[in-house]
Amino acid sequence: MSQLNDGLTPTRTARVKFMNNSFKIKSSQDKLDLELITIKGFLLRCSHSVSGYEARMRNWTTLVHRRCLAENRHEARAADNRMNNQSEE
C-alpha cells in the first residue's frame, strides 16, 4: 500500500511471479493432457515464461563470455610483458 500512497507502481516479488508462471504452466499442461488444447496452444500459453527464462540465460551467457574474453586479454598481456622483460635482460 505504501507504494500506491507514494505514487509508485505496485510490484510483486519474484516468488509470486514464479508461482503464477508455475500455475499457468501446470494448468496448461493439464489441459494439454486432456486434449482440451493443442500443442501449439500450450506453447502459446507458456511462451511468456520460457521467453523470460531464455532472455535471462542469454544475458548470463553473454556476461560469462565477456568475462572470459577479458581474462584472456589480461593473460595475453601478462605473457607479453613477461616475454618483453626476459628479452631485455
N, C-alpha and C. Protein backbone atom coordinates (compact mmCIF):
# COMPACT_ATOMS: atom_id res chain seq x y z
N MET A 1 0.82 -1.19 0.00
CA MET A 1 0.00 0.00 0.00
C MET A 1 0.86 1.25 0.00
N SER A 2 2.02 1.21 0.62
CA SER A 2 2.85 2.41 0.67
C SER A 2 3.31 2.82 -0.72
N GLN A 3 3.47 1.84 -1.62
CA GLN A 3 3.86 2.19 -2.99
C GLN A 3 2.76 3.01 -3.66
N LEU A 4 1.51 2.64 -3.44
CA LEU A 4 0.40 3.39 -4.01
C LEU A 4 0.34 4.79 -3.44
N ASN A 5 0.53 4.90 -2.14
CA ASN A 5 0.50 6.21 -1.49
C ASN A 5 1.62 7.11 -1.98
N ASP A 6 2.76 6.51 -2.34
CA ASP A 6 3.91 7.28 -2.82
C ASP A 6 3.84 7.56 -4.32
N GLY A 7 2.78 7.10 -4.97
CA GLY A 7 2.61 7.33 -6.40
C GLY A 7 3.42 6.38 -7.27
N LEU A 8 3.88 5.27 -6.69
CA LEU A 8 4.67 4.30 -7.44
C LEU A 8 3.79 3.16 -7.94
N THR A 9 4.27 2.46 -8.94
CA THR A 9 3.57 1.30 -9.45
C THR A 9 3.81 0.13 -8.52
N PRO A 10 2.76 -0.53 -8.08
CA PRO A 10 2.96 -1.69 -7.19
C PRO A 10 3.72 -2.79 -7.91
N THR A 11 4.63 -3.43 -7.21
CA THR A 11 5.39 -4.53 -7.78
C THR A 11 5.14 -5.79 -6.95
N ARG A 12 5.29 -6.91 -7.62
CA ARG A 12 5.16 -8.19 -6.93
C ARG A 12 6.55 -8.77 -6.76
N THR A 13 6.73 -9.57 -5.76
CA THR A 13 8.03 -10.20 -5.56
C THR A 13 8.25 -11.25 -6.64
N ALA A 14 9.49 -11.60 -6.85
CA ALA A 14 9.83 -12.61 -7.85
C ALA A 14 9.15 -13.93 -7.53
N ARG A 15 9.03 -14.24 -6.25
CA ARG A 15 8.43 -15.51 -5.86
C ARG A 15 6.98 -15.60 -6.36
N VAL A 16 6.23 -14.53 -6.22
CA VAL A 16 4.84 -14.52 -6.68
C VAL A 16 4.79 -14.71 -8.19
N LYS A 17 5.68 -14.05 -8.90
CA LYS A 17 5.71 -14.20 -10.36
C LYS A 17 6.01 -15.64 -10.76
N PHE A 18 6.98 -16.27 -10.08
CA PHE A 18 7.32 -17.64 -10.41
C PHE A 18 6.17 -18.59 -10.07
N MET A 19 5.49 -18.32 -8.97
CA MET A 19 4.35 -19.16 -8.59
C MET A 19 3.23 -19.02 -9.62
N ASN A 20 2.97 -17.80 -10.08
CA ASN A 20 1.94 -17.60 -11.10
C ASN A 20 2.31 -18.29 -12.40
N ASN A 21 3.58 -18.17 -12.81
CA ASN A 21 4.02 -18.85 -14.03
C ASN A 21 3.89 -20.35 -13.88
N SER A 22 4.28 -20.87 -12.73
CA SER A 22 4.19 -22.30 -12.48
C SER A 22 2.73 -22.77 -12.56
N PHE A 23 1.82 -21.99 -11.98
CA PHE A 23 0.40 -22.34 -12.04
C PHE A 23 -0.11 -22.34 -13.48
N LYS A 24 0.28 -21.33 -14.25
CA LYS A 24 -0.15 -21.25 -15.65
C LYS A 24 0.36 -22.43 -16.46
N ILE A 25 1.62 -22.80 -16.23
CA ILE A 25 2.19 -23.93 -16.95
C ILE A 25 1.50 -25.23 -16.55
N LYS A 26 1.28 -25.41 -15.25
CA LYS A 26 0.60 -26.63 -14.77
C LYS A 26 -0.82 -26.72 -15.33
N SER A 27 -1.53 -25.61 -15.30
CA SER A 27 -2.89 -25.57 -15.82
C SER A 27 -2.90 -25.90 -17.31
N SER A 28 -1.97 -25.32 -18.04
CA SER A 28 -1.89 -25.58 -19.48
C SER A 28 -1.51 -27.03 -19.74
N GLN A 29 -0.61 -27.59 -18.93
CA GLN A 29 -0.21 -28.99 -19.08
C GLN A 29 -1.41 -29.91 -18.85
N ASP A 30 -2.22 -29.61 -17.84
CA ASP A 30 -3.41 -30.41 -17.58
C ASP A 30 -4.37 -30.36 -18.76
N LYS A 31 -4.57 -29.19 -19.32
CA LYS A 31 -5.46 -29.05 -20.48
C LYS A 31 -4.91 -29.78 -21.69
N LEU A 32 -3.58 -29.75 -21.84
CA LEU A 32 -2.96 -30.48 -22.95
C LEU A 32 -3.14 -31.97 -22.77
N ASP A 33 -2.94 -32.46 -21.55
CA ASP A 33 -3.12 -33.89 -21.26
C ASP A 33 -4.55 -34.35 -21.53
N LEU A 34 -5.51 -33.47 -21.27
CA LEU A 34 -6.93 -33.80 -21.52
C LEU A 34 -7.34 -33.50 -22.96
N GLU A 35 -6.37 -33.09 -23.77
CA GLU A 35 -6.59 -32.74 -25.18
C GLU A 35 -7.62 -31.63 -25.35
N LEU A 36 -7.66 -30.71 -24.38
CA LEU A 36 -8.54 -29.54 -24.49
C LEU A 36 -7.87 -28.43 -25.29
N ILE A 37 -6.55 -28.48 -25.36
CA ILE A 37 -5.79 -27.53 -26.18
C ILE A 37 -4.76 -28.31 -27.00
N THR A 38 -4.30 -27.70 -28.07
CA THR A 38 -3.28 -28.33 -28.91
C THR A 38 -1.89 -28.02 -28.36
N ILE A 39 -0.91 -28.68 -28.93
CA ILE A 39 0.48 -28.39 -28.53
C ILE A 39 0.80 -26.93 -28.83
N LYS A 40 0.31 -26.43 -29.97
CA LYS A 40 0.54 -25.03 -30.32
C LYS A 40 -0.11 -24.12 -29.27
N GLY A 41 -1.30 -24.46 -28.83
CA GLY A 41 -1.97 -23.68 -27.79
C GLY A 41 -1.20 -23.69 -26.49
N PHE A 42 -0.65 -24.87 -26.15
CA PHE A 42 0.16 -25.00 -24.94
C PHE A 42 1.39 -24.09 -25.03
N LEU A 43 2.06 -24.16 -26.17
CA LEU A 43 3.27 -23.35 -26.35
C LEU A 43 2.96 -21.86 -26.31
N LEU A 44 1.84 -21.48 -26.90
CA LEU A 44 1.47 -20.07 -26.87
C LEU A 44 1.16 -19.61 -25.45
N ARG A 45 0.50 -20.46 -24.67
CA ARG A 45 0.17 -20.09 -23.29
C ARG A 45 1.41 -20.00 -22.41
N CYS A 46 2.41 -20.82 -22.69
CA CYS A 46 3.60 -20.89 -21.82
C CYS A 46 4.79 -20.10 -22.36
N SER A 47 4.67 -19.54 -23.54
CA SER A 47 5.82 -18.89 -24.17
C SER A 47 6.34 -17.72 -23.36
N HIS A 48 5.47 -17.01 -22.63
CA HIS A 48 5.94 -15.87 -21.83
C HIS A 48 6.91 -16.32 -20.74
N SER A 49 6.66 -17.48 -20.16
CA SER A 49 7.55 -17.99 -19.11
C SER A 49 8.88 -18.42 -19.71
N VAL A 50 8.81 -19.10 -20.83
CA VAL A 50 10.01 -19.61 -21.46
C VAL A 50 10.85 -18.47 -22.04
N SER A 51 10.20 -17.48 -22.62
CA SER A 51 10.97 -16.38 -23.21
C SER A 51 11.73 -15.59 -22.15
N GLY A 52 11.13 -15.42 -20.98
CA GLY A 52 11.82 -14.74 -19.89
C GLY A 52 13.03 -15.53 -19.42
N TYR A 53 12.86 -16.85 -19.30
CA TYR A 53 13.97 -17.72 -18.90
C TYR A 53 15.08 -17.67 -19.95
N GLU A 54 14.67 -17.74 -21.21
CA GLU A 54 15.65 -17.71 -22.30
C GLU A 54 16.43 -16.40 -22.29
N ALA A 55 15.75 -15.30 -22.07
CA ALA A 55 16.41 -13.99 -22.04
C ALA A 55 17.41 -13.92 -20.89
N ARG A 56 17.03 -14.44 -19.71
CA ARG A 56 17.95 -14.43 -18.58
C ARG A 56 19.18 -15.29 -18.85
N MET A 57 18.98 -16.46 -19.46
CA MET A 57 20.10 -17.33 -19.78
C MET A 57 21.00 -16.70 -20.84
N ARG A 58 20.41 -16.04 -21.83
CA ARG A 58 21.19 -15.37 -22.88
C ARG A 58 22.03 -14.25 -22.27
N ASN A 59 21.44 -13.47 -21.38
CA ASN A 59 22.18 -12.39 -20.72
C ASN A 59 23.31 -12.95 -19.86
N TRP A 60 23.05 -14.03 -19.14
CA TRP A 60 24.07 -14.64 -18.30
C TRP A 60 25.22 -15.17 -19.16
N THR A 61 24.89 -15.85 -20.27
CA THR A 61 25.90 -16.40 -21.16
C THR A 61 26.76 -15.29 -21.75
N THR A 62 26.14 -14.20 -22.14
CA THR A 62 26.88 -13.07 -22.69
C THR A 62 27.83 -12.49 -21.66
N LEU A 63 27.36 -12.36 -20.43
CA LEU A 63 28.20 -11.84 -19.36
C LEU A 63 29.40 -12.75 -19.12
N VAL A 64 29.18 -14.05 -19.05
CA VAL A 64 30.27 -15.01 -18.83
C VAL A 64 31.25 -14.95 -19.99
N HIS A 65 30.74 -14.87 -21.22
CA HIS A 65 31.60 -14.81 -22.40
C HIS A 65 32.48 -13.55 -22.35
N ARG A 66 31.89 -12.41 -21.99
CA ARG A 66 32.66 -11.17 -21.90
C ARG A 66 33.74 -11.27 -20.84
N ARG A 67 33.41 -11.88 -19.71
CA ARG A 67 34.41 -12.04 -18.64
C ARG A 67 35.56 -12.93 -19.10
N CYS A 68 35.24 -14.01 -19.82
CA CYS A 68 36.29 -14.91 -20.32
C CYS A 68 37.19 -14.18 -21.30
N LEU A 69 36.60 -13.39 -22.19
CA LEU A 69 37.41 -12.62 -23.14
C LEU A 69 38.33 -11.66 -22.41
N ALA A 70 37.81 -10.98 -21.40
CA ALA A 70 38.62 -10.03 -20.63
C ALA A 70 39.76 -10.75 -19.92
N GLU A 71 39.48 -11.92 -19.34
CA GLU A 71 40.53 -12.68 -18.67
C GLU A 71 41.60 -13.13 -19.66
N ASN A 72 41.17 -13.56 -20.85
CA ASN A 72 42.12 -14.00 -21.87
C ASN A 72 43.01 -12.84 -22.30
N ARG A 73 42.43 -11.65 -22.47
CA ARG A 73 43.21 -10.48 -22.85
C ARG A 73 44.21 -10.14 -21.76
N HIS A 74 43.78 -10.22 -20.52
CA HIS A 74 44.66 -9.93 -19.38
C HIS A 74 45.83 -10.93 -19.34
N GLU A 75 45.53 -12.20 -19.53
CA GLU A 75 46.58 -13.23 -19.53
C GLU A 75 47.54 -13.03 -20.69
N ALA A 76 47.03 -12.66 -21.86
CA ALA A 76 47.89 -12.43 -23.02
C ALA A 76 48.83 -11.24 -22.77
N ARG A 77 48.30 -10.18 -22.18
CA ARG A 77 49.15 -9.02 -21.86
C ARG A 77 50.23 -9.39 -20.86
N ALA A 78 49.86 -10.17 -19.85
CA ALA A 78 50.83 -10.59 -18.83
C ALA A 78 51.93 -11.43 -19.47
N ALA A 79 51.55 -12.33 -20.39
CA ALA A 79 52.55 -13.15 -21.07
C ALA A 79 53.47 -12.29 -21.93
N ASP A 80 52.90 -11.31 -22.63
CA ASP A 80 53.71 -10.39 -23.44
C ASP A 80 54.68 -9.62 -22.57
N ASN A 81 54.22 -9.15 -21.42
CA ASN A 81 55.09 -8.41 -20.50
C ASN A 81 56.23 -9.28 -20.00
N ARG A 82 55.93 -10.55 -19.69
CA ARG A 82 56.98 -11.47 -19.23
C ARG A 82 58.02 -11.69 -20.32
N MET A 83 57.56 -11.86 -21.55
CA MET A 83 58.48 -12.08 -22.67
C MET A 83 59.34 -10.84 -22.91
N ASN A 84 58.75 -9.67 -22.83
CA ASN A 84 59.49 -8.41 -23.03
C ASN A 84 60.54 -8.23 -21.92
N ASN A 85 60.18 -8.55 -20.70
CA ASN A 85 61.10 -8.42 -19.58
C ASN A 85 62.27 -9.40 -19.71
N GLN A 86 62.01 -10.62 -20.21
CA GLN A 86 63.07 -11.61 -20.38
C GLN A 86 64.03 -11.21 -21.50
N SER A 87 63.48 -10.62 -22.58
CA SER A 87 64.34 -10.23 -23.70
C SER A 87 65.21 -9.02 -23.36
N GLU A 88 64.78 -8.19 -22.42
CA GLU A 88 65.55 -7.03 -22.01
C GLU A 88 66.71 -7.41 -21.09
N GLU A 89 66.64 -8.59 -20.47
CA GLU A 89 67.69 -8.99 -19.53
C GLU A 89 68.86 -9.48 -20.23
